Amino acid sequence: MAEIGAKLRDARLRERIDISQVEADTKIRAKYLRALENEEWSLLPGPTFVKSFLRTYADYLGLDGRMLVEQFKLRHEHPDAPPIARPRPRERSAGRQRGLRERRAASRRWIVLALVALLLAGLFVIGRSGGGPDTATPPTGSRGSATETTSVASPQTGTTATTTTTESGRLVRLRIVPTGPVYACLRAAGGRTLLNGVVLQPGASTPTFRSSRLRLALGNGDARLVVDGRSRSVPQVTSGIAYEITADGVRRLPGGQGPSCS
């Protein structure tokens, strides 16, 4: 049976995802991700964080997070405990004092862990609500009027522009990661053009686009889509492929129904 860390590392390398990209998408610090891959459990804040980080990282890579957590618990959380000898009468007083000191030390450790957990939770919330296009989380659970922020990269100048519009319905997030040169035409709800027939080069991904509905046409299958934080591969085609992407899912469009760009 493959080790936990090896499964995580192999899955990440198969998807060609850099550790810094995983850190940006999952909000788990890179040093903790490396500790998970190397099974350096002592470098992580505690068992609770190990299981939480392990489940989040595994789900992001498309693995069974629950199974890996159970595998970790089986291997590292239930070692066989040696029998405890009953103290003799003359040793009971010293044993009680020692036990009291150990309980106090354990209480202090739990207090420190609780404070660390609160601090990390606060940093996680701040990171999720921060100001960049990759960290802002739209309200996906409600319908009606919603504010939509879209980042558009200019192939001529290399700069990124941010526009804000109002759309009805839930927003979906999309990032395109080219694995080879690929033509891309992307339109948002209302017919707004986000990528006007540009050729994306491998090694760099697009900004994260947001809209209640996205229509995408690719010239071939040399790309990977990241939809609401989840990676999705594109079939290896050479004659073009088109998708309609909403918060309800990704639907492949028949030929001729994809968006067109100038």
C-alpha atoms as a PDB file:
ATOM      1  CA  MET A   1       0.000   0.000   0.000  1.00  0.00           C
ATOM      2  CA  ALA A   2       1.414   3.388  -1.002  1.00  0.00           C
ATOM      3  CA  GLU A   3       2.293   5.793   1.808  1.00  0.00           C
ATOM      4  CA  ILE A   4       0.081   8.821   2.447  1.00  0.00           C
ATOM      5  CA  GLY A   5       2.714  11.375   1.464  1.00  0.00           C
ATOM      6  CA  ALA A   6       3.641   9.500  -1.713  1.00  0.00           C
ATOM      7  CA  LYS A   7      -0.022   9.442  -2.816  1.00  0.00           C
ATOM      8  CA  LEU A   8      -0.303  13.216  -2.365  1.00  0.00           C
ATOM      9  CA  ARG A   9       2.973  13.966  -4.131  1.00  0.00           C
ATOM     10  CA  ASP A  10       2.260  11.627  -7.076  1.00  0.00           C
ATOM     11  CA  ALA A  11      -1.227  13.103  -7.569  1.00  0.00           C
ATOM     12  CA  ARG A  12       0.132  16.671  -7.557  1.00  0.00           C
ATOM     13  CA  LEU A  13       2.900  15.842 -10.022  1.00  0.00           C
ATOM     14  CA  ARG A  14       0.430  14.073 -12.342  1.00  0.00           C
ATOM     15  CA  GLU A  15      -1.682  17.248 -12.437  1.00  0.00           C
ATOM     16  CA  ARG A  16       1.465  19.409 -12.950  1.00  0.00           C
ATOM     17  CA  ILE A  17       0.497  21.682 -10.049  1.00  0.00           C
ATOM     18  CA  ASP A  18       3.185  23.672  -8.257  1.00  0.00           C
ATOM     19  CA  ILE A  19       3.146  23.666  -4.450  1.00  0.00           C
ATOM     20  CA  SER A  20       2.718  27.474  -4.440  1.00  0.00           C
ATOM     21  CA  GLN A  21      -0.476  27.115  -6.527  1.00  0.00           C
ATOM     22  CA  VAL A  22      -1.867  24.592  -4.027  1.00  0.00           C
ATOM     23  CA  GLU A  23      -1.065  27.061  -1.230  1.00  0.00           C
ATOM     24  CA  ALA A  24      -2.963  29.843  -3.037  1.00  0.00           C
ATOM     25  CA  ASP A  25      -6.009  27.657  -3.744  1.00  0.00           C
ATOM     26  CA  THR A  26      -6.315  25.831  -0.401  1.00  0.00           C
ATOM     27  CA  LYS A  27      -4.935  28.565   1.928  1.00  0.00           C
ATOM     28  CA  ILE A  28      -2.667  25.933   3.558  1.00  0.00           C
ATOM     29  CA  ARG A  29       0.895  27.172   3.994  1.00  0.00           C
ATOM     30  CA  ALA A  30       3.456  25.602   1.671  1.00  0.00           C
ATOM     31  CA  LYS A  31       5.604  24.307   4.545  1.00  0.00           C
ATOM     32  CA  TYR A  32       2.623  22.334   5.883  1.00  0.00           C
ATOM     33  CA  LEU A  33       1.882  20.928   2.398  1.00  0.00           C
ATOM     34  CA  ARG A  34       5.499  19.747   2.128  1.00  0.00           C
ATOM     35  CA  ALA A  35       5.265  18.254   5.633  1.00  0.00           C
ATOM     36  CA  LEU A  36       2.193  16.260   4.520  1.00  0.00           C
ATOM     37  CA  GLU A  37       3.969  14.984   1.409  1.00  0.00           C
ATOM     38  CA  ASN A  38       7.064  14.037   3.464  1.00  0.00           C
ATOM     39  CA  GLU A  39       4.947  12.654   6.353  1.00  0.00           C
ATOM     40  CA  GLU A  40       6.741  14.950   8.782  1.00  0.00           C
ATOM     41  CA  TRP A  41       3.791  15.020  11.166  1.00  0.00           C
ATOM     42  CA  SER A  42       5.763  16.707  13.951  1.00  0.00           C
ATOM     43  CA  LEU A  43       6.066  19.872  11.833  1.00  0.00           C
ATOM     44  CA  LEU A  44       2.267  20.320  11.803  1.00  0.00           C
ATOM     45  CA  PRO A  45       0.386  22.155  14.609  1.00  0.00           C
ATOM     46  CA  GLY A  46      -1.382  19.045  15.968  1.00  0.00           C
ATOM     47  CA  PRO A  47      -3.464  15.953  15.097  1.00  0.00           C
ATOM     48  CA  THR A  48      -6.605  18.017  14.463  1.00  0.00           C
ATOM     49  CA  PHE A  49      -4.810  20.196  11.928  1.00  0.00           C
ATOM     50  CA  VAL A  50      -3.082  17.182  10.345  1.00  0.00           C
ATOM     51  CA  LYS A  51      -6.472  15.571   9.599  1.00  0.00           C
ATOM     52  CA  SER A  52      -8.042  18.841   8.423  1.00  0.00           C
ATOM     53  CA  PHE A  53      -5.094  19.743   6.149  1.00  0.00           C
ATOM     54  CA  LEU A  54      -4.835  16.146   4.875  1.00  0.00           C
ATOM     55  CA  ARG A  55      -8.542  15.999   3.944  1.00  0.00           C
ATOM     56  CA  THR A  56      -8.458  19.436   2.237  1.00  0.00           C
ATOM     57  CA  TYR A  57      -5.272  18.666   0.266  1.00  0.00           C
ATOM     58  CA  ALA A  58      -6.478  15.206  -0.813  1.00  0.00           C
ATOM     59  CA  ASP A  59      -9.901  16.514  -1.954  1.00  0.00           C
ATOM     60  CA  TYR A  60      -8.169  19.317  -3.928  1.00  0.00           C
ATOM     61  CA  LEU A  61      -6.089  16.711  -5.797  1.00  0.00           C
ATOM     62  CA  GLY A  62      -9.140  14.547  -6.486  1.00  0.00           C
ATOM     63  CA  LEU A  63      -8.184  11.835  -3.973  1.00  0.00           C
ATOM     64  CA  ASP A  64     -10.403  10.257  -1.289  1.00  0.00           C
ATOM     65  CA  GLY A  65      -9.666  12.586   1.640  1.00  0.00           C
ATOM     66  CA  ARG A  66     -11.710  10.566   4.118  1.00  0.00           C
ATOM     67  CA  MET A  67      -9.830   7.361   3.291  1.00  0.00           C
ATOM     68  CA  LEU A  68      -6.423   9.038   3.747  1.00  0.00           C
ATOM     69  CA  VAL A  69      -7.520  10.491   7.112  1.00  0.00           C
ATOM     70  CA  GLU A  70      -8.625   7.029   8.270  1.00  0.00           C
ATOM     71  CA  GLN A  71      -5.288   5.627   7.096  1.00  0.00           C
ATOM     72  CA  PHE A  72      -3.462   8.299   9.102  1.00  0.00           C
ATOM     73  CA  LYS A  73      -5.549   7.613  12.226  1.00  0.00           C
ATOM     74  CA  LEU A  74      -4.942   3.868  11.937  1.00  0.00           C
ATOM     75  CA  ARG A  75      -1.179   4.277  11.608  1.00  0.00           C
ATOM     76  CA  HIS A  76      -0.430   7.186  13.919  1.00  0.00           C
ATOM     77  CA  GLU A  77      -3.246   7.801  16.409  1.00  0.00           C
ATOM     78  CA  HIS A  78      -3.741   4.370  18.032  1.00  0.00           C
ATOM     79  CA  PRO A  79      -0.351   2.909  19.099  1.00  0.00           C
ATOM     80  CA  ASP A  80      -0.473   0.016  21.504  1.00  0.00           C
ATOM     81  CA  ALA A  81      -0.101   1.420  25.006  1.00  0.00           C
ATOM     82  CA  PRO A  82       2.187  -0.516  27.442  1.00  0.00           C
ATOM     83  CA  PRO A  83       0.603  -1.785  30.666  1.00  0.00           C
ATOM     84  CA  ILE A  84       0.757   0.619  33.591  1.00  0.00           C
ATOM     85  CA  ALA A  85       2.047  -0.901  36.830  1.00  0.00           C
ATOM     86  CA  ARG A  86       0.067  -0.127  39.971  1.00  0.00           C
ATOM     87  CA  PRO A  87       2.174   2.038  42.329  1.00  0.00           C
ATOM     88  CA  ARG A  88       3.156   0.645  45.672  1.00  0.00           C
ATOM     89  CA  PRO A  89       1.754   2.441  48.795  1.00  0.00           C
ATOM     90  CA  ARG A  90       4.960   4.337  49.555  1.00  0.00           C
ATOM     91  CA  GLU A  91       5.109   5.616  45.966  1.00  0.00           C
ATOM     92  CA  ARG A  92       1.513   6.868  45.818  1.00  0.00           C
ATOM     93  CA  SER A  93       2.174  10.299  47.320  1.00  0.00           C
ATOM     94  CA  ALA A  94       4.998  11.072  44.901  1.00  0.00           C
ATOM     95  CA  GLY A  95       2.886   9.653  42.071  1.00  0.00           C
ATOM     96  CA  ARG A  96      -0.019  11.956  42.917  1.00  0.00           C
ATOM     97  CA  GLN A  97       2.287  14.990  42.900  1.00  0.00           C
ATOM     98  CA  ARG A  98       3.821  13.934  39.616  1.00  0.00           C
ATOM     99  CA  GLY A  99       0.371  13.320  38.123  1.00  0.00           C
ATOM    100  CA  LEU A 100      -0.800  16.747  39.238  1.00  0.00           C
ATOM    101  CA  ARG A 101       2.190  18.403  37.578  1.00  0.00           C
ATOM    102  CA  GLU A 102       1.606  16.427  34.393  1.00  0.00           C
ATOM    103  CA  ARG A 103      -2.084  17.401  34.312  1.00  0.00           C
ATOM    104  CA  ARG A 104      -1.167  21.061  34.746  1.00  0.00           C
ATOM    105  CA  ALA A 105       1.409  20.831  31.951  1.00  0.00           C
ATOM    106  CA  ALA A 106      -1.141  19.089  29.708  1.00  0.00           C
ATOM    107  CA  SER A 107      -3.704  21.804  30.464  1.00  0.00           C
ATOM    108  CA  ARG A 108      -1.200  24.495  29.481  1.00  0.00           C
ATOM    109  CA  ARG A 109      -0.419  22.634  26.243  1.00  0.00           C
ATOM    110  CA  TRP A 110      -4.120  22.410  25.374  1.00  0.00           C
ATOM    111  CA  ILE A 111      -4.551  26.126  26.071  1.00  0.00           C
ATOM    112  CA  VAL A 112      -1.619  26.924  23.764  1.00  0.00           C
ATOM    113  CA  LEU A 113      -3.046  24.637  21.040  1.00  0.00           C
ATOM    114  CA  ALA A 114      -6.462  26.268  21.375  1.00  0.00           C
ATOM    115  CA  LEU A 115      -4.908  29.729  20.986  1.00  0.00           C
ATOM    116  CA  VAL A 116      -2.933  28.562  17.945  1.00  0.00           C
ATOM    117  CA  ALA A 117      -6.119  27.101  16.449  1.00  0.00           C
ATOM    118  CA  LEU A 118      -8.001  30.369  16.983  1.00  0.00           C
ATOM    119  CA  LEU A 119      -5.126  32.336  15.439  1.00  0.00           C
ATOM    120  CA  LEU A 120      -4.943  30.068  12.376  1.00  0.00           C
ATOM    121  CA  ALA A 121      -8.718  30.175  11.972  1.00  0.00           C
ATOM    122  CA  GLY A 122      -8.631  33.979  12.089  1.00  0.00           C
ATOM    123  CA  LEU A 123      -5.819  34.113   9.511  1.00  0.00           C
ATOM    124  CA  PHE A 124      -7.758  31.675   7.300  1.00  0.00           C
ATOM    125  CA  VAL A 125     -10.893  33.839   7.454  1.00  0.00           C
ATOM    126  CA  ILE A 126      -8.861  36.981   6.714  1.00  0.00           C
ATOM    127  CA  GLY A 127      -7.178  35.241   3.784  1.00  0.00           C
ATOM    128  CA  ARG A 128     -10.505  34.047   2.378  1.00  0.00           C
ATOM    129  CA  SER A 129     -12.020  37.528   2.623  1.00  0.00           C
ATOM    130  CA  GLY A 130      -8.934  39.399   1.359  1.00  0.00           C
ATOM    131  CA  GLY A 131      -8.974  41.797  -1.562  1.00  0.00           C
ATOM    132  CA  GLY A 132      -7.469  39.822  -4.501  1.00  0.00           C
ATOM    133  CA  PRO A 133      -9.506  38.203  -7.282  1.00  0.00           C
ATOM    134  CA  ASP A 134      -8.255  34.757  -6.196  1.00  0.00           C
ATOM    135  CA  THR A 135      -9.229  35.184  -2.514  1.00  0.00           C
ATOM    136  CA  ALA A 136     -12.624  36.883  -2.620  1.00  0.00           C
ATOM    137  CA  THR A 137     -15.430  34.366  -2.118  1.00  0.00           C
ATOM    138  CA  PRO A 138     -18.800  35.240  -3.710  1.00  0.00           C
ATOM    139  CA  PRO A 139     -22.064  34.375  -1.914  1.00  0.00           C
ATOM    140  CA  THR A 140     -22.876  31.106  -3.686  1.00  0.00           C
ATOM    141  CA  GLY A 141     -25.788  30.060  -1.499  1.00  0.00           C
ATOM    142  CA  SER A 142     -28.281  32.806  -2.418  1.00  0.00           C
ATOM    143  CA  ARG A 143     -30.064  33.865  -5.589  1.00  0.00           C
ATOM    144  CA  GLY A 144     -31.051  37.276  -6.810  1.00  0.00           C
ATOM    145  CA  SER A 145     -28.788  40.268  -7.391  1.00  0.00           C
ATOM    146  CA  ALA A 146     -25.052  39.672  -6.785  1.00  0.00           C
ATOM    147  CA  THR A 147     -21.932  41.744  -7.391  1.00  0.00           C
ATOM    148  CA  GLU A 148     -19.544  40.139  -9.857  1.00  0.00           C
ATOM    149  CA  THR A 149     -15.824  40.990 -10.018  1.00  0.00           C
ATOM    150  CA  THR A 150     -13.940  39.843 -13.130  1.00  0.00           C
ATOM    151  CA  SER A 151     -10.201  40.046 -13.831  1.00  0.00           C
ATOM    152  CA  VAL A 152      -9.224  40.335 -17.523  1.00  0.00           C
ATOM    153  CA  ALA A 153      -5.620  39.950 -18.675  1.00  0.00           C
ATOM    154  CA  SER A 154      -4.545  42.052 -21.689  1.00  0.00           C
ATOM    155  CA  PRO A 155      -2.306  40.041 -24.054  1.00  0.00           C
ATOM    156  CA  GLN A 156      -0.917  43.278 -25.555  1.00  0.00           C
ATOM    157  CA  THR A 157       0.247  44.974 -22.337  1.00  0.00           C
ATOM    158  CA  GLY A 158       0.469  42.079 -19.878  1.00  0.00           C
ATOM    159  CA  THR A 159      -1.573  44.002 -17.310  1.00  0.00           C
ATOM    160  CA  THR A 160      -4.685  42.826 -15.470  1.00  0.00           C
ATOM    161  CA  ALA A 161      -7.894  44.868 -15.359  1.00  0.00           C
ATOM    162  CA  THR A 162     -10.675  44.331 -12.831  1.00  0.00           C
ATOM    163  CA  THR A 163     -14.308  45.094 -13.664  1.00  0.00           C
ATOM    164  CA  THR A 164     -17.352  44.899 -11.400  1.00  0.00           C
ATOM    165  CA  THR A 165     -20.855  44.246 -12.716  1.00  0.00           C
ATOM    166  CA  THR A 166     -24.150  43.064 -11.278  1.00  0.00           C
ATOM    167  CA  GLU A 167     -25.593  39.725 -12.376  1.00  0.00           C
ATOM    168  CA  SER A 168     -28.483  37.678 -11.070  1.00  0.00           C
ATOM    169  CA  GLY A 169     -27.850  34.156  -9.819  1.00  0.00           C
ATOM    170  CA  ARG A 170     -24.885  32.429  -8.200  1.00  0.00           C
ATOM    171  CA  LEU A 171     -21.345  33.116  -9.407  1.00  0.00           C
ATOM    172  CA  VAL A 172     -18.919  30.473 -10.668  1.00  0.00           C
ATOM    173  CA  ARG A 173     -15.123  30.846 -10.669  1.00  0.00           C
ATOM    174  CA  LEU A 174     -12.928  29.698 -13.565  1.00  0.00           C
ATOM    175  CA  ARG A 175      -9.175  29.647 -14.102  1.00  0.00           C
ATOM    176  CA  ILE A 176      -7.569  28.182 -17.254  1.00  0.00           C
ATOM    177  CA  VAL A 177      -4.195  26.419 -16.890  1.00  0.00           C
ATOM    178  CA  PRO A 178      -2.685  25.736 -20.355  1.00  0.00           C
ATOM    179  CA  THR A 179      -0.547  22.603 -20.702  1.00  0.00           C
ATOM    180  CA  GLY A 180       0.393  23.555 -24.257  1.00  0.00           C
ATOM    181  CA  PRO A 181      -0.340  26.408 -26.665  1.00  0.00           C
ATOM    182  CA  VAL A 182      -4.128  26.683 -26.783  1.00  0.00           C
ATOM    183  CA  TYR A 183      -6.551  29.162 -28.381  1.00  0.00           C
ATOM    184  CA  ALA A 184      -9.169  30.471 -25.920  1.00  0.00           C
ATOM    185  CA  CYS A 185     -12.367  32.478 -26.382  1.00  0.00           C
ATOM    186  CA  LEU A 186     -14.277  33.261 -23.165  1.00  0.00           C
ATOM    187  CA  ARG A 187     -17.495  35.215 -22.688  1.00  0.00           C
ATOM    188  CA  ALA A 188     -19.373  35.990 -19.472  1.00  0.00           C
ATOM    189  CA  ALA A 189     -23.104  36.423 -18.857  1.00  0.00           C
ATOM    190  CA  GLY A 190     -24.559  39.170 -21.024  1.00  0.00           C
ATOM    191  CA  GLY A 191     -22.061  38.482 -23.814  1.00  0.00           C
ATOM    192  CA  ARG A 192     -19.133  40.318 -22.189  1.00  0.00           C
ATOM    193  CA  THR A 193     -15.784  39.251 -23.682  1.00  0.00           C
ATOM    194  CA  LEU A 194     -13.164  38.110 -21.163  1.00  0.00           C
ATOM    195  CA  LEU A 195     -10.667  36.417 -23.538  1.00  0.00           C
ATOM    196  CA  ASN A 196     -10.988  37.628 -27.116  1.00  0.00           C
ATOM    197  CA  GLY A 197      -9.459  34.746 -29.051  1.00  0.00           C
ATOM    198  CA  VAL A 198      -6.000  34.745 -27.453  1.00  0.00           C
ATOM    199  CA  VAL A 199      -3.400  31.962 -27.576  1.00  0.00           C
ATOM    200  CA  LEU A 200      -2.421  30.924 -24.051  1.00  0.00           C
ATOM    201  CA  GLN A 201       1.077  29.579 -23.522  1.00  0.00           C
ATOM    202  CA  PRO A 202       2.001  26.726 -21.137  1.00  0.00           C
ATOM    203  CA  GLY A 203       3.633  27.544 -17.828  1.00  0.00           C
ATOM    204  CA  ALA A 204       1.253  30.325 -16.778  1.00  0.00           C
ATOM    205  CA  SER A 205      -2.417  30.365 -15.874  1.00  0.00           C
ATOM    206  CA  THR A 206      -5.070  33.023 -16.450  1.00  0.00           C
ATOM    207  CA  PRO A 207      -6.584  35.165 -13.686  1.00  0.00           C
ATOM    208  CA  THR A 208      -9.671  33.792 -11.963  1.00  0.00           C
ATOM    209  CA  PHE A 209     -12.808  34.854 -13.865  1.00  0.00           C
ATOM    210  CA  ARG A 210     -16.207  35.098 -12.149  1.00  0.00           C
ATOM    211  CA  SER A 211     -19.691  35.255 -13.643  1.00  0.00           C
ATOM    212  CA  SER A 212     -23.094  33.649 -13.229  1.00  0.00           C
ATOM    213  CA  ARG A 213     -22.496  31.937 -16.599  1.00  0.00           C
ATOM    214  CA  LEU A 214     -19.298  31.453 -18.623  1.00  0.00           C
ATOM    215  CA  ARG A 215     -19.059  30.139 -22.206  1.00  0.00           C
ATOM    216  CA  LEU A 216     -15.613  28.894 -23.232  1.00  0.00           C
ATOM    217  CA  ALA A 217     -14.197  27.707 -26.560  1.00  0.00           C
ATOM    218  CA  LEU A 218     -10.751  26.065 -26.742  1.00  0.00           C
ATOM    219  CA  GLY A 219      -8.850  25.317 -29.923  1.00  0.00           C
ATOM    220  CA  ASN A 220      -7.580  21.954 -28.597  1.00  0.00           C
ATOM    221  CA  GLY A 221      -7.373  19.904 -25.410  1.00  0.00           C
ATOM    222  CA  ASP A 222      -4.039  21.311 -24.135  1.00  0.00           C
ATOM    223  CA  ALA A 223      -5.533  22.878 -20.995  1.00  0.00           C
ATOM    224  CA  ARG A 224      -6.855  22.150 -17.530  1.00  0.00           C
ATOM    225  CA  LEU A 225      -9.839  23.997 -15.999  1.00  0.00           C
ATOM    226  CA  VAL A 226     -10.043  24.932 -12.324  1.00  0.00           C
ATOM    227  CA  VAL A 227     -13.763  25.440 -11.562  1.00  0.00           C
ATOM    228  CA  ASP A 228     -14.593  26.713  -8.053  1.00  0.00           C
ATOM    229  CA  GLY A 229     -11.230  25.431  -6.818  1.00  0.00           C
ATOM    230  CA  ARG A 230     -11.580  21.943  -8.344  1.00  0.00           C
ATOM    231  CA  SER A 231      -9.328  20.805 -11.180  1.00  0.00           C
ATOM    232  CA  ARG A 232     -10.977  19.397 -14.339  1.00  0.00           C
ATOM    233  CA  SER A 233      -9.086  17.942 -17.294  1.00  0.00           C
ATOM    234  CA  VAL A 234     -10.018  18.653 -20.921  1.00  0.00           C
ATOM    235  CA  PRO A 235     -10.271  15.752 -23.416  1.00  0.00           C
ATOM    236  CA  GLN A 236      -7.409  15.546 -25.895  1.00  0.00           C
ATOM    237  CA  VAL A 237      -9.047  16.962 -29.032  1.00  0.00           C
ATOM    238  CA  THR A 238      -7.520  18.803 -31.988  1.00  0.00           C
ATOM    239  CA  SER A 239     -10.575  20.347 -33.660  1.00  0.00           C
ATOM    240  CA  GLY A 240     -11.860  22.500 -30.799  1.00  0.00           C
ATOM    241  CA  ILE A 241     -14.107  22.015 -27.771  1.00  0.00           C
ATOM    242  CA  ALA A 242     -16.641  24.285 -26.014  1.00  0.00           C
ATOM    243  CA  TYR A 243     -18.191  24.429 -22.539  1.00  0.00           C
ATOM    244  CA  GLU A 244     -20.911  26.271 -20.656  1.00  0.00           C
ATOM    245  CA  ILE A 245     -19.929  26.711 -17.007  1.00  0.00           C
ATOM    246  CA  THR A 246     -22.309  27.721 -14.204  1.00  0.00           C
ATOM    247  CA  ALA A 247     -22.490  27.200 -10.449  1.00  0.00           C
ATOM    248  CA  ASP A 248     -24.631  24.108 -11.170  1.00  0.00           C
ATOM    249  CA  GLY A 249     -21.908  22.356 -13.190  1.00  0.00           C
ATOM    250  CA  VAL A 250     -19.891  22.162 -16.418  1.00  0.00           C
ATOM    251  CA  ARG A 251     -21.724  21.243 -19.637  1.00  0.00           C
ATOM    252  CA  ARG A 252     -19.976  20.432 -22.905  1.00  0.00           C
ATOM    253  CA  LEU A 253     -21.591  22.244 -25.835  1.00  0.00           C
ATOM    254  CA  PRO A 254     -22.283  20.581 -29.186  1.00  0.00           C
ATOM    255  CA  GLY A 255     -20.308  21.733 -32.192  1.00  0.00           C
ATOM    256  CA  GLY A 256     -21.159  25.221 -33.397  1.00  0.00           C
ATOM    257  CA  GLN A 257     -22.785  26.337 -30.125  1.00  0.00           C
ATOM    258  CA  GLY A 258     -19.627  27.658 -28.416  1.00  0.00           C
ATOM    259  CA  PRO A 259     -18.750  31.368 -28.203  1.00  0.00           C
ATOM    260  CA  SER A 260     -17.019  33.103 -31.094  1.00  0.00           C
ATOM    261  CA  CYS A 261     -14.358  35.801 -30.917  1.00  0.00           C
ATOM    262  CA  SER A 262     -12.939  38.188 -33.451  1.00  0.00           C
END
